[in-house]
Amino acid sequence: RPSIDLADPNVSAEVAKKRRLMELAKRRDGTGASSSRRAGNSPAPGNHVVKKWVVLDLGNRPSRATYDPWSAGDDHRISFTGLGPDGAGSRDLTLRQIKAFAGGDWVPMDAPCDWHCVTGWSTLGLRFRGVPFSLVVDALSKNETSGEDEAALTPRPGWRRIYQRSADGYDTTVQRRDALSDGFLAVTHGESGEMLPEEHGGPRLVFPSLYGWKSAKFLKEVHFLATADDAPGAKRGFWEKLGCHPRGRWAEEQRWAPGTSAVVWTALAGMTDLYRVFGGVWVWERVMVHGGRVLGAIACVLEAVRGWWRWLARGGRVGVKAE
């Protein structure tokens, strides 16, 4: 009787695929062994629990004319760039294509997600459905979404980080190890099965082990970067430029990057916490929302001025920034 050679690459690939689908099936019916692995009942160190998921953004949400996944539904597209040997390739994937990676339906995270904000609050037990980011990367790497040349449309070899760009101008980076270990493309929230509402940015990548600023609302592009966080000229995100920690693990309290900025940000966080002590949670939440928007607007202006100054320093020449 003919035997199956498990060393055959085609056979091993099929076995791995079946195991992936079995794990996804377990998640759907709630029988997965890892269902309690990340269930949390307490805030991040130094944080306070709030009952609802606080709405935070830069205050300039994109127009529905340019970004509207709620109307597009499964036809909504996310761009994946930094593909191919030199990182110059790109590919747009619809939510329908991404859903196929999970067997044709969104799957729940393997445990409720606790959301920890660097500004000092935590919301516990959020329930997302979508697809693990590792499955998206795996499908891109195997070129399962297109009949085009495989080498040109897979993530660049040895990528170190992902860079998320939003339709509202926000951006942030996440290290490869964090993106692949628990990164999750969250599409729906709660029991209704409806897409994440506009106030929470629609489909977005979430990372339970990282602070919330590492999850970009209104996600438009995911770029695979070749450089590490500490590489000269490496691309940094909005808050990373202003002193937030390049990695951002809440369990390690990686709120601020080492140095002077950490002292400034810690002092600001202490000041805002006084609103919670003397004004209560409701006042504190309003300060977080509106104060964050004001600070974000100021940061946008400062970044524009800094870019203009760098341009002048180069004598008006366009510089090339490392990825």
C-alpha atoms as a PDB file:
ATOM      1  CA  ARG A   1       0.000   0.000   0.000  1.00  0.00           C
ATOM      2  CA  PRO A   2       1.468   3.420  -0.909  1.00  0.00           C
ATOM      3  CA  SER A   3       2.648   5.473   2.097  1.00  0.00           C
ATOM      4  CA  ILE A   4       2.500   9.226   2.650  1.00  0.00           C
ATOM      5  CA  ASP A   5       5.858  10.947   2.824  1.00  0.00           C
ATOM      6  CA  LEU A   6       5.545  13.584   5.566  1.00  0.00           C
ATOM      7  CA  ALA A   7       8.897  14.998   4.496  1.00  0.00           C
ATOM      8  CA  ASP A   8       7.401  15.990   1.142  1.00  0.00           C
ATOM      9  CA  PRO A   9       7.057  19.830   1.175  1.00  0.00           C
ATOM     10  CA  ASN A  10       3.626  19.652  -0.458  1.00  0.00           C
ATOM     11  CA  VAL A  11       2.382  17.153   2.120  1.00  0.00           C
ATOM     12  CA  SER A  12       3.773  19.085   5.083  1.00  0.00           C
ATOM     13  CA  ALA A  13       2.222  22.299   3.750  1.00  0.00           C
ATOM     14  CA  GLU A  14      -1.205  20.641   3.517  1.00  0.00           C
ATOM     15  CA  VAL A  15      -0.871  19.197   7.028  1.00  0.00           C
ATOM     16  CA  ALA A  16       0.012  22.643   8.395  1.00  0.00           C
ATOM     17  CA  LYS A  17      -2.955  24.174   6.583  1.00  0.00           C
ATOM     18  CA  LYS A  18      -5.355  21.579   8.009  1.00  0.00           C
ATOM     19  CA  ARG A  19      -4.035  22.156  11.519  1.00  0.00           C
ATOM     20  CA  ARG A  20      -4.574  25.899  11.068  1.00  0.00           C
ATOM     21  CA  LEU A  21      -8.166  25.376   9.983  1.00  0.00           C
ATOM     22  CA  MET A  22      -8.797  22.969  12.882  1.00  0.00           C
ATOM     23  CA  GLU A  23      -7.556  25.592  15.329  1.00  0.00           C
ATOM     24  CA  LEU A  24      -9.821  28.186  13.740  1.00  0.00           C
ATOM     25  CA  ALA A  25     -12.770  25.794  14.030  1.00  0.00           C
ATOM     26  CA  LYS A  26     -12.043  25.367  17.738  1.00  0.00           C
ATOM     27  CA  ARG A  27     -12.073  29.130  18.159  1.00  0.00           C
ATOM     28  CA  ARG A  28     -15.453  29.357  16.424  1.00  0.00           C
ATOM     29  CA  ASP A  29     -17.161  26.882  18.757  1.00  0.00           C
ATOM     30  CA  GLY A  30     -15.267  27.971  21.853  1.00  0.00           C
ATOM     31  CA  THR A  31     -13.473  24.665  22.460  1.00  0.00           C
ATOM     32  CA  GLY A  32      -9.959  25.938  21.882  1.00  0.00           C
ATOM     33  CA  ALA A  33      -7.558  24.980  24.627  1.00  0.00           C
ATOM     34  CA  SER A  34      -6.084  28.461  24.676  1.00  0.00           C
ATOM     35  CA  SER A  35      -9.412  30.235  25.265  1.00  0.00           C
ATOM     36  CA  SER A  36      -8.378  31.472  28.723  1.00  0.00           C
ATOM     37  CA  ARG A  37      -4.757  32.273  27.977  1.00  0.00           C
ATOM     38  CA  ARG A  38      -5.192  36.023  27.699  1.00  0.00           C
ATOM     39  CA  ALA A  39      -8.403  36.553  29.665  1.00  0.00           C
ATOM     40  CA  GLY A  40      -7.610  39.334  32.122  1.00  0.00           C
ATOM     41  CA  ASN A  41      -9.413  40.700  35.143  1.00  0.00           C
ATOM     42  CA  SER A  42      -7.231  43.653  36.043  1.00  0.00           C
ATOM     43  CA  PRO A  43      -5.834  46.786  34.410  1.00  0.00           C
ATOM     44  CA  ALA A  44      -2.279  47.241  33.209  1.00  0.00           C
ATOM     45  CA  PRO A  45       0.188  48.329  35.909  1.00  0.00           C
ATOM     46  CA  GLY A  46      -0.521  51.946  36.807  1.00  0.00           C
ATOM     47  CA  ASN A  47      -3.860  52.029  34.936  1.00  0.00           C
ATOM     48  CA  HIS A  48      -7.456  52.406  36.131  1.00  0.00           C
ATOM     49  CA  VAL A  49     -10.422  50.386  34.850  1.00  0.00           C
ATOM     50  CA  VAL A  50     -13.127  52.242  32.907  1.00  0.00           C
ATOM     51  CA  LYS A  51     -16.431  50.613  32.014  1.00  0.00           C
ATOM     52  CA  LYS A  52     -16.572  51.594  28.357  1.00  0.00           C
ATOM     53  CA  TRP A  53     -14.041  51.625  25.550  1.00  0.00           C
ATOM     54  CA  VAL A  54     -12.948  55.272  25.511  1.00  0.00           C
ATOM     55  CA  VAL A  55     -12.944  56.948  22.078  1.00  0.00           C
ATOM     56  CA  LEU A  56      -9.566  58.507  21.291  1.00  0.00           C
ATOM     57  CA  ASP A  57      -8.323  59.837  17.961  1.00  0.00           C
ATOM     58  CA  LEU A  58      -6.707  62.925  16.432  1.00  0.00           C
ATOM     59  CA  GLY A  59     -10.064  64.615  15.986  1.00  0.00           C
ATOM     60  CA  ASN A  60      -9.929  64.684  12.176  1.00  0.00           C
ATOM     61  CA  ARG A  61     -11.776  61.548  11.088  1.00  0.00           C
ATOM     62  CA  PRO A  62     -11.574  60.839   7.363  1.00  0.00           C
ATOM     63  CA  SER A  63     -14.464  61.773   5.109  1.00  0.00           C
ATOM     64  CA  ARG A  64     -16.841  58.963   4.164  1.00  0.00           C
ATOM     65  CA  ALA A  65     -16.145  59.972   0.547  1.00  0.00           C
ATOM     66  CA  THR A  66     -12.554  58.734   0.886  1.00  0.00           C
ATOM     67  CA  TYR A  67     -12.829  56.044   3.573  1.00  0.00           C
ATOM     68  CA  ASP A  68     -16.041  54.098   4.116  1.00  0.00           C
ATOM     69  CA  PRO A  69     -15.663  50.397   4.986  1.00  0.00           C
ATOM     70  CA  TRP A  70     -19.159  50.460   6.543  1.00  0.00           C
ATOM     71  CA  SER A  71     -20.748  50.933   3.112  1.00  0.00           C
ATOM     72  CA  ALA A  72     -18.177  48.876   1.186  1.00  0.00           C
ATOM     73  CA  GLY A  73     -18.458  45.857   3.486  1.00  0.00           C
ATOM     74  CA  ASP A  74     -16.504  42.867   2.160  1.00  0.00           C
ATOM     75  CA  ASP A  75     -15.343  44.974  -0.801  1.00  0.00           C
ATOM     76  CA  HIS A  76     -13.365  47.290   1.485  1.00  0.00           C
ATOM     77  CA  ARG A  77      -9.658  47.187   0.629  1.00  0.00           C
ATOM     78  CA  ILE A  78      -6.499  47.338   2.729  1.00  0.00           C
ATOM     79  CA  SER A  79      -3.185  47.946   0.980  1.00  0.00           C
ATOM     80  CA  PHE A  80      -0.174  45.781   1.810  1.00  0.00           C
ATOM     81  CA  THR A  81       3.124  47.321   0.712  1.00  0.00           C
ATOM     82  CA  GLY A  82       6.804  46.610   1.179  1.00  0.00           C
ATOM     83  CA  LEU A  83       6.468  43.441  -0.877  1.00  0.00           C
ATOM     84  CA  GLY A  84       8.986  41.758  -3.149  1.00  0.00           C
ATOM     85  CA  PRO A  85      12.777  41.428  -2.920  1.00  0.00           C
ATOM     86  CA  ASP A  86      13.312  45.199  -2.791  1.00  0.00           C
ATOM     87  CA  GLY A  87      10.111  46.123  -0.964  1.00  0.00           C
ATOM     88  CA  ALA A  88       8.740  48.057  -3.942  1.00  0.00           C
ATOM     89  CA  GLY A  89       5.718  45.817  -4.552  1.00  0.00           C
ATOM     90  CA  SER A  90       2.192  46.250  -3.244  1.00  0.00           C
ATOM     91  CA  ARG A  91      -1.129  44.425  -3.203  1.00  0.00           C
ATOM     92  CA  ASP A  92      -4.639  45.462  -2.207  1.00  0.00           C
ATOM     93  CA  LEU A  93      -6.734  42.839  -0.445  1.00  0.00           C
ATOM     94  CA  THR A  94     -10.477  43.036   0.088  1.00  0.00           C
ATOM     95  CA  LEU A  95     -12.045  41.964   3.356  1.00  0.00           C
ATOM     96  CA  ARG A  96     -13.618  39.125   1.384  1.00  0.00           C
ATOM     97  CA  GLN A  97     -10.173  37.831   0.397  1.00  0.00           C
ATOM     98  CA  ILE A  98      -8.864  38.227   3.937  1.00  0.00           C
ATOM     99  CA  LYS A  99     -11.908  36.432   5.344  1.00  0.00           C
ATOM    100  CA  ALA A 100     -11.091  33.468   3.099  1.00  0.00           C
ATOM    101  CA  PHE A 101      -7.808  33.026   4.995  1.00  0.00           C
ATOM    102  CA  ALA A 102      -9.913  32.102   8.040  1.00  0.00           C
ATOM    103  CA  GLY A 103     -11.988  29.585   6.136  1.00  0.00           C
ATOM    104  CA  GLY A 104     -14.680  31.972   4.882  1.00  0.00           C
ATOM    105  CA  ASP A 105     -15.888  33.559   8.119  1.00  0.00           C
ATOM    106  CA  TRP A 106     -14.469  35.835  10.790  1.00  0.00           C
ATOM    107  CA  VAL A 107     -13.234  34.018  13.878  1.00  0.00           C
ATOM    108  CA  PRO A 108     -13.131  35.293  17.461  1.00  0.00           C
ATOM    109  CA  MET A 109      -9.887  36.095  19.209  1.00  0.00           C
ATOM    110  CA  ASP A 110      -8.790  33.205  21.372  1.00  0.00           C
ATOM    111  CA  ALA A 111      -9.777  35.250  24.459  1.00  0.00           C
ATOM    112  CA  PRO A 112     -11.508  38.541  25.249  1.00  0.00           C
ATOM    113  CA  CYS A 113      -9.121  41.430  24.657  1.00  0.00           C
ATOM    114  CA  ASP A 114      -8.151  43.799  27.456  1.00  0.00           C
ATOM    115  CA  TRP A 115      -7.412  47.255  26.066  1.00  0.00           C
ATOM    116  CA  HIS A 116      -4.724  49.229  27.896  1.00  0.00           C
ATOM    117  CA  CYS A 117      -4.165  52.885  27.035  1.00  0.00           C
ATOM    118  CA  VAL A 118      -0.854  54.574  27.711  1.00  0.00           C
ATOM    119  CA  THR A 119      -2.754  57.542  29.183  1.00  0.00           C
ATOM    120  CA  GLY A 120      -3.759  55.470  32.204  1.00  0.00           C
ATOM    121  CA  TRP A 121      -7.029  53.591  31.575  1.00  0.00           C
ATOM    122  CA  SER A 122      -7.929  49.996  30.774  1.00  0.00           C
ATOM    123  CA  THR A 123     -11.119  48.469  29.362  1.00  0.00           C
ATOM    124  CA  LEU A 124     -11.507  44.758  30.023  1.00  0.00           C
ATOM    125  CA  GLY A 125     -13.107  41.964  28.005  1.00  0.00           C
ATOM    126  CA  LEU A 126     -13.552  43.428  24.517  1.00  0.00           C
ATOM    127  CA  ARG A 127     -14.715  40.774  22.054  1.00  0.00           C
ATOM    128  CA  PHE A 128     -13.407  41.011  18.511  1.00  0.00           C
ATOM    129  CA  ARG A 129     -13.885  38.815  15.474  1.00  0.00           C
ATOM    130  CA  GLY A 130     -11.614  38.883  12.453  1.00  0.00           C
ATOM    131  CA  VAL A 131      -8.494  36.964  11.469  1.00  0.00           C
ATOM    132  CA  PRO A 132      -5.060  36.524  13.076  1.00  0.00           C
ATOM    133  CA  PHE A 133      -2.502  38.749  11.364  1.00  0.00           C
ATOM    134  CA  SER A 134      -0.119  35.780  11.136  1.00  0.00           C
ATOM    135  CA  LEU A 135      -2.578  34.102   8.747  1.00  0.00           C
ATOM    136  CA  VAL A 136      -2.594  37.189   6.529  1.00  0.00           C
ATOM    137  CA  VAL A 137       1.208  37.218   6.428  1.00  0.00           C
ATOM    138  CA  ASP A 138       1.247  33.468   5.785  1.00  0.00           C
ATOM    139  CA  ALA A 139      -1.165  33.835   2.865  1.00  0.00           C
ATOM    140  CA  LEU A 140       0.847  36.720   1.406  1.00  0.00           C
ATOM    141  CA  SER A 141       4.050  34.716   1.791  1.00  0.00           C
ATOM    142  CA  LYS A 142       2.510  31.780  -0.084  1.00  0.00           C
ATOM    143  CA  ASN A 143       0.977  34.124  -2.668  1.00  0.00           C
ATOM    144  CA  GLU A 144      -2.476  32.583  -2.139  1.00  0.00           C
ATOM    145  CA  THR A 145      -4.316  35.729  -3.254  1.00  0.00           C
ATOM    146  CA  SER A 146      -3.002  36.268  -6.757  1.00  0.00           C
ATOM    147  CA  GLY A 147      -1.716  34.489  -9.806  1.00  0.00           C
ATOM    148  CA  GLU A 148       0.999  37.071 -10.296  1.00  0.00           C
ATOM    149  CA  ASP A 149       4.720  36.460  -9.938  1.00  0.00           C
ATOM    150  CA  GLU A 150       5.257  35.118  -6.417  1.00  0.00           C
ATOM    151  CA  ALA A 151       8.590  36.814  -5.710  1.00  0.00           C
ATOM    152  CA  ALA A 152       7.169  40.224  -6.513  1.00  0.00           C
ATOM    153  CA  LEU A 153       4.192  40.043  -4.162  1.00  0.00           C
ATOM    154  CA  THR A 154       5.374  38.407  -0.941  1.00  0.00           C
ATOM    155  CA  PRO A 155       6.576  40.392   2.110  1.00  0.00           C
ATOM    156  CA  ARG A 156      10.135  41.597   1.674  1.00  0.00           C
ATOM    157  CA  PRO A 157      12.697  39.069   2.978  1.00  0.00           C
ATOM    158  CA  GLY A 158      13.757  39.598   6.574  1.00  0.00           C
ATOM    159  CA  TRP A 159      11.212  42.318   7.346  1.00  0.00           C
ATOM    160  CA  ARG A 160      11.639  43.680  10.869  1.00  0.00           C
ATOM    161  CA  ARG A 161       8.521  45.760  11.559  1.00  0.00           C
ATOM    162  CA  ILE A 162       5.158  46.732  10.151  1.00  0.00           C
ATOM    163  CA  TYR A 163       4.154  50.338   9.596  1.00  0.00           C
ATOM    164  CA  GLN A 164       0.438  51.120   9.814  1.00  0.00           C
ATOM    165  CA  ARG A 165      -0.881  54.172   7.962  1.00  0.00           C
ATOM    166  CA  SER A 166      -4.369  55.494   8.585  1.00  0.00           C
ATOM    167  CA  ALA A 167      -6.802  57.449   6.447  1.00  0.00           C
ATOM    168  CA  ASP A 168      -6.771  60.268   9.036  1.00  0.00           C
ATOM    169  CA  GLY A 169      -2.995  60.732   8.825  1.00  0.00           C
ATOM    170  CA  TYR A 170      -2.113  58.705  11.922  1.00  0.00           C
ATOM    171  CA  ASP A 171       0.701  56.151  11.759  1.00  0.00           C
ATOM    172  CA  THR A 172       2.517  53.748  14.065  1.00  0.00           C
ATOM    173  CA  THR A 173       4.980  50.843  13.909  1.00  0.00           C
ATOM    174  CA  VAL A 174       4.956  47.371  15.494  1.00  0.00           C
ATOM    175  CA  GLN A 175       7.865  44.975  15.763  1.00  0.00           C
ATOM    176  CA  ARG A 176       7.662  41.724  13.795  1.00  0.00           C
ATOM    177  CA  ARG A 177       7.653  39.479  16.875  1.00  0.00           C
ATOM    178  CA  ASP A 178       4.657  41.316  18.354  1.00  0.00           C
ATOM    179  CA  ALA A 179       2.795  41.510  15.048  1.00  0.00           C
ATOM    180  CA  LEU A 180       3.055  37.753  14.517  1.00  0.00           C
ATOM    181  CA  SER A 181       2.617  36.562  18.106  1.00  0.00           C
ATOM    182  CA  ASP A 182      -0.806  38.055  18.865  1.00  0.00           C
ATOM    183  CA  GLY A 183      -1.619  40.598  16.142  1.00  0.00           C
ATOM    184  CA  PHE A 184      -5.253  40.337  15.050  1.00  0.00           C
ATOM    185  CA  LEU A 185      -7.165  42.112  12.299  1.00  0.00           C
ATOM    186  CA  ALA A 186     -10.334  43.021  14.217  1.00  0.00           C
ATOM    187  CA  VAL A 187     -13.328  43.577  11.939  1.00  0.00           C
ATOM    188  CA  THR A 188     -16.363  43.174  14.203  1.00  0.00           C
ATOM    189  CA  HIS A 189     -16.948  43.932  17.873  1.00  0.00           C
ATOM    190  CA  GLY A 190     -19.460  42.476  20.320  1.00  0.00           C
ATOM    191  CA  GLU A 191     -22.175  39.909  19.754  1.00  0.00           C
ATOM    192  CA  SER A 192     -24.004  41.738  16.950  1.00  0.00           C
ATOM    193  CA  GLY A 193     -21.467  40.847  14.285  1.00  0.00           C
ATOM    194  CA  GLU A 194     -21.479  44.417  12.994  1.00  0.00           C
ATOM    195  CA  MET A 195     -18.298  46.074  11.796  1.00  0.00           C
ATOM    196  CA  LEU A 196     -16.374  48.187  14.292  1.00  0.00           C
ATOM    197  CA  PRO A 197     -18.170  51.559  14.263  1.00  0.00           C
ATOM    198  CA  GLU A 198     -16.685  54.791  12.977  1.00  0.00           C
ATOM    199  CA  GLU A 199     -15.858  56.036  16.472  1.00  0.00           C
ATOM    200  CA  HIS A 200     -13.525  53.065  16.842  1.00  0.00           C
ATOM    201  CA  GLY A 201     -12.070  53.280  13.344  1.00  0.00           C
ATOM    202  CA  GLY A 202     -13.481  50.315  11.435  1.00  0.00           C
ATOM    203  CA  PRO A 203     -11.262  47.278  10.676  1.00  0.00           C
ATOM    204  CA  ARG A 204      -7.957  47.634  12.519  1.00  0.00           C
ATOM    205  CA  LEU A 205      -5.022  45.617  13.747  1.00  0.00           C
ATOM    206  CA  VAL A 206      -5.056  45.064  17.508  1.00  0.00           C
ATOM    207  CA  PHE A 207      -2.204  43.779  19.662  1.00  0.00           C
ATOM    208  CA  PRO A 208      -3.309  42.578  23.131  1.00  0.00           C
ATOM    209  CA  SER A 209       0.244  42.615  24.499  1.00  0.00           C
ATOM    210  CA  LEU A 210       0.824  46.261  23.493  1.00  0.00           C
ATOM    211  CA  TYR A 211      -0.624  49.597  24.542  1.00  0.00           C
ATOM    212  CA  GLY A 212      -3.574  50.792  22.498  1.00  0.00           C
ATOM    213  CA  TRP A 213      -1.732  53.486  20.523  1.00  0.00           C
ATOM    214  CA  LYS A 214      -0.097  50.679  18.517  1.00  0.00           C
ATOM    215  CA  SER A 215      -3.504  49.936  16.935  1.00  0.00           C
ATOM    216  CA  ALA A 216      -4.219  52.366  14.088  1.00  0.00           C
ATOM    217  CA  LYS A 217      -7.848  53.380  13.528  1.00  0.00           C
ATOM    218  CA  PHE A 218      -9.067  53.915   9.941  1.00  0.00           C
ATOM    219  CA  LEU A 219      -6.379  51.489   8.734  1.00  0.00           C
ATOM    220  CA  LYS A 220      -5.474  52.071   5.112  1.00  0.00           C
ATOM    221  CA  GLU A 221      -2.028  50.519   4.603  1.00  0.00           C
ATOM    222  CA  VAL A 222       0.269  47.948   6.211  1.00  0.00           C
ATOM    223  CA  HIS A 223       3.880  48.317   5.090  1.00  0.00           C
ATOM    224  CA  PHE A 224       6.591  45.725   5.779  1.00  0.00           C
ATOM    225  CA  LEU A 225       9.720  47.561   6.929  1.00  0.00           C
ATOM    226  CA  ALA A 226      13.293  46.332   6.559  1.00  0.00           C
ATOM    227  CA  THR A 227      14.761  48.336   9.447  1.00  0.00           C
ATOM    228  CA  ALA A 228      14.718  47.938  13.214  1.00  0.00           C
ATOM    229  CA  ASP A 229      13.434  50.651  15.559  1.00  0.00           C
ATOM    230  CA  ASP A 230      16.933  51.849  16.415  1.00  0.00           C
ATOM    231  CA  ALA A 231      18.294  51.996  12.851  1.00  0.00           C
ATOM    232  CA  PRO A 232      19.518  55.451  11.737  1.00  0.00           C
ATOM    233  CA  GLY A 233      16.704  57.279   9.976  1.00  0.00           C
ATOM    234  CA  ALA A 234      14.201  54.469  10.658  1.00  0.00           C
ATOM    235  CA  LYS A 235      10.549  55.303  10.093  1.00  0.00           C
ATOM    236  CA  ARG A 236       8.662  56.095  13.291  1.00  0.00           C
ATOM    237  CA  GLY A 237       4.992  56.579  14.024  1.00  0.00           C
ATOM    238  CA  PHE A 238       3.063  59.602  15.260  1.00  0.00           C
ATOM    239  CA  TRP A 239       3.429  59.060  19.002  1.00  0.00           C
ATOM    240  CA  GLU A 240       6.816  57.379  18.732  1.00  0.00           C
ATOM    241  CA  LYS A 241       8.162  60.639  17.309  1.00  0.00           C
ATOM    242  CA  LEU A 242       6.823  62.427  20.393  1.00  0.00           C
ATOM    243  CA  GLY A 243       8.551  60.177  22.898  1.00  0.00           C
ATOM    244  CA  CYS A 244       6.424  57.045  23.255  1.00  0.00           C
ATOM    245  CA  HIS A 245       8.305  53.756  23.558  1.00  0.00           C
ATOM    246  CA  PRO A 246       9.165  52.105  20.220  1.00  0.00           C
ATOM    247  CA  ARG A 247       7.784  48.730  21.343  1.00  0.00           C
ATOM    248  CA  GLY A 248       5.055  49.564  23.859  1.00  0.00           C
ATOM    249  CA  ARG A 249       4.449  46.383  25.909  1.00  0.00           C
ATOM    250  CA  TRP A 250       2.033  47.236  28.720  1.00  0.00           C
ATOM    251  CA  ALA A 251       3.182  44.373  30.994  1.00  0.00           C
ATOM    252  CA  GLU A 252       6.665  45.928  30.966  1.00  0.00           C
ATOM    253  CA  GLU A 253       5.223  49.470  31.366  1.00  0.00           C
ATOM    254  CA  GLN A 254       6.942  50.552  28.167  1.00  0.00           C
ATOM    255  CA  ARG A 255       5.055  53.836  27.948  1.00  0.00           C
ATOM    256  CA  TRP A 256       7.793  56.284  27.125  1.00  0.00           C
ATOM    257  CA  ALA A 257      11.150  56.018  25.392  1.00  0.00           C
ATOM    258  CA  PRO A 258      14.141  56.374  27.732  1.00  0.00           C
ATOM    259  CA  GLY A 259      15.461  59.914  28.107  1.00  0.00           C
ATOM    260  CA  THR A 260      14.121  63.388  28.685  1.00  0.00           C
ATOM    261  CA  SER A 261      10.806  62.734  26.950  1.00  0.00           C
ATOM    262  CA  ALA A 262       9.976  60.070  29.536  1.00  0.00           C
ATOM    263  CA  VAL A 263      10.235  62.643  32.346  1.00  0.00           C
ATOM    264  CA  VAL A 264       7.989  65.102  30.497  1.00  0.00           C
ATOM    265  CA  TRP A 265       5.341  62.508  29.589  1.00  0.00           C
ATOM    266  CA  THR A 266       5.282  61.020  33.094  1.00  0.00           C
ATOM    267  CA  ALA A 267       4.703  64.474  34.544  1.00  0.00           C
ATOM    268  CA  LEU A 268       1.848  65.115  32.089  1.00  0.00           C
ATOM    269  CA  ALA A 269       0.255  61.761  32.929  1.00  0.00           C
ATOM    270  CA  GLY A 270       0.429  62.594  36.641  1.00  0.00           C
ATOM    271  CA  MET A 271      -1.233  65.950  36.031  1.00  0.00           C
ATOM    272  CA  THR A 272      -4.132  64.448  34.071  1.00  0.00           C
ATOM    273  CA  ASP A 273      -4.662  61.820  36.753  1.00  0.00           C
ATOM    274  CA  LEU A 274      -5.510  64.629  39.179  1.00  0.00           C
ATOM    275  CA  TYR A 275      -8.720  65.151  37.183  1.00  0.00           C
ATOM    276  CA  ARG A 276      -9.757  61.587  38.017  1.00  0.00           C
ATOM    277  CA  VAL A 277      -8.985  62.048  41.708  1.00  0.00           C
ATOM    278  CA  PHE A 278     -10.805  65.361  42.133  1.00  0.00           C
ATOM    279  CA  GLY A 279     -13.338  65.337  39.288  1.00  0.00           C
ATOM    280  CA  GLY A 280     -14.227  61.675  38.947  1.00  0.00           C
ATOM    281  CA  VAL A 281     -13.985  59.249  36.041  1.00  0.00           C
ATOM    282  CA  TRP A 282     -16.385  61.177  33.767  1.00  0.00           C
ATOM    283  CA  VAL A 283     -14.309  64.388  33.979  1.00  0.00           C
ATOM    284  CA  TRP A 284     -11.105  62.402  33.568  1.00  0.00           C
ATOM    285  CA  GLU A 285     -12.394  60.687  30.403  1.00  0.00           C
ATOM    286  CA  ARG A 286     -13.364  64.055  28.873  1.00  0.00           C
ATOM    287  CA  VAL A 287      -9.875  65.373  29.608  1.00  0.00           C
ATOM    288  CA  MET A 288      -8.342  62.299  27.980  1.00  0.00           C
ATOM    289  CA  VAL A 289     -10.460  62.642  24.814  1.00  0.00           C
ATOM    290  CA  HIS A 290     -10.306  66.380  24.233  1.00  0.00           C
ATOM    291  CA  GLY A 291      -6.834  66.886  25.680  1.00  0.00           C
ATOM    292  CA  GLY A 292      -5.496  64.139  23.430  1.00  0.00           C
ATOM    293  CA  ARG A 293      -7.009  65.800  20.379  1.00  0.00           C
ATOM    294  CA  VAL A 294      -5.506  69.181  21.268  1.00  0.00           C
ATOM    295  CA  LEU A 295      -2.122  67.593  21.886  1.00  0.00           C
ATOM    296  CA  GLY A 296      -2.411  65.686  18.609  1.00  0.00           C
ATOM    297  CA  ALA A 297      -3.209  68.880  16.698  1.00  0.00           C
ATOM    298  CA  ILE A 298      -0.225  70.649  18.254  1.00  0.00           C
ATOM    299  CA  ALA A 299       1.983  67.670  17.416  1.00  0.00           C
ATOM    300  CA  CYS A 300       0.820  67.752  13.770  1.00  0.00           C
ATOM    301  CA  VAL A 301       1.780  71.413  13.495  1.00  0.00           C
ATOM    302  CA  LEU A 302       5.155  70.835  15.147  1.00  0.00           C
ATOM    303  CA  GLU A 303       5.880  67.896  12.847  1.00  0.00           C
ATOM    304  CA  ALA A 304       5.031  70.002   9.785  1.00  0.00           C
ATOM    305  CA  VAL A 305       7.346  72.780  11.015  1.00  0.00           C
ATOM    306  CA  ARG A 306      10.086  70.232  11.707  1.00  0.00           C
ATOM    307  CA  GLY A 307       9.723  68.780   8.207  1.00  0.00           C
ATOM    308  CA  TRP A 308       9.882  72.256   6.674  1.00  0.00           C
ATOM    309  CA  TRP A 309      13.021  73.028   8.712  1.00  0.00           C
ATOM    310  CA  ARG A 310      14.699  69.783   7.613  1.00  0.00           C
ATOM    311  CA  TRP A 311      13.836  70.597   4.008  1.00  0.00           C
ATOM    312  CA  LEU A 312      15.479  74.003   4.352  1.00  0.00           C
ATOM    313  CA  ALA A 313      18.538  72.427   6.004  1.00  0.00           C
ATOM    314  CA  ARG A 314      18.935  70.187   2.967  1.00  0.00           C
ATOM    315  CA  GLY A 315      18.813  73.204   0.706  1.00  0.00           C
ATOM    316  CA  GLY A 316      15.344  72.341  -0.600  1.00  0.00           C
ATOM    317  CA  ARG A 317      16.341  68.860  -1.721  1.00  0.00           C
ATOM    318  CA  VAL A 318      14.119  65.848  -1.148  1.00  0.00           C
ATOM    319  CA  GLY A 319      15.803  63.426   1.244  1.00  0.00           C
ATOM    320  CA  VAL A 320      15.516  59.646   1.279  1.00  0.00           C
ATOM    321  CA  LYS A 321      14.461  58.174   4.600  1.00  0.00           C
ATOM    322  CA  ALA A 322      15.392  54.669   5.655  1.00  0.00           C
ATOM    323  CA  GLU A 323      12.601  52.183   6.177  1.00  0.00           C
END
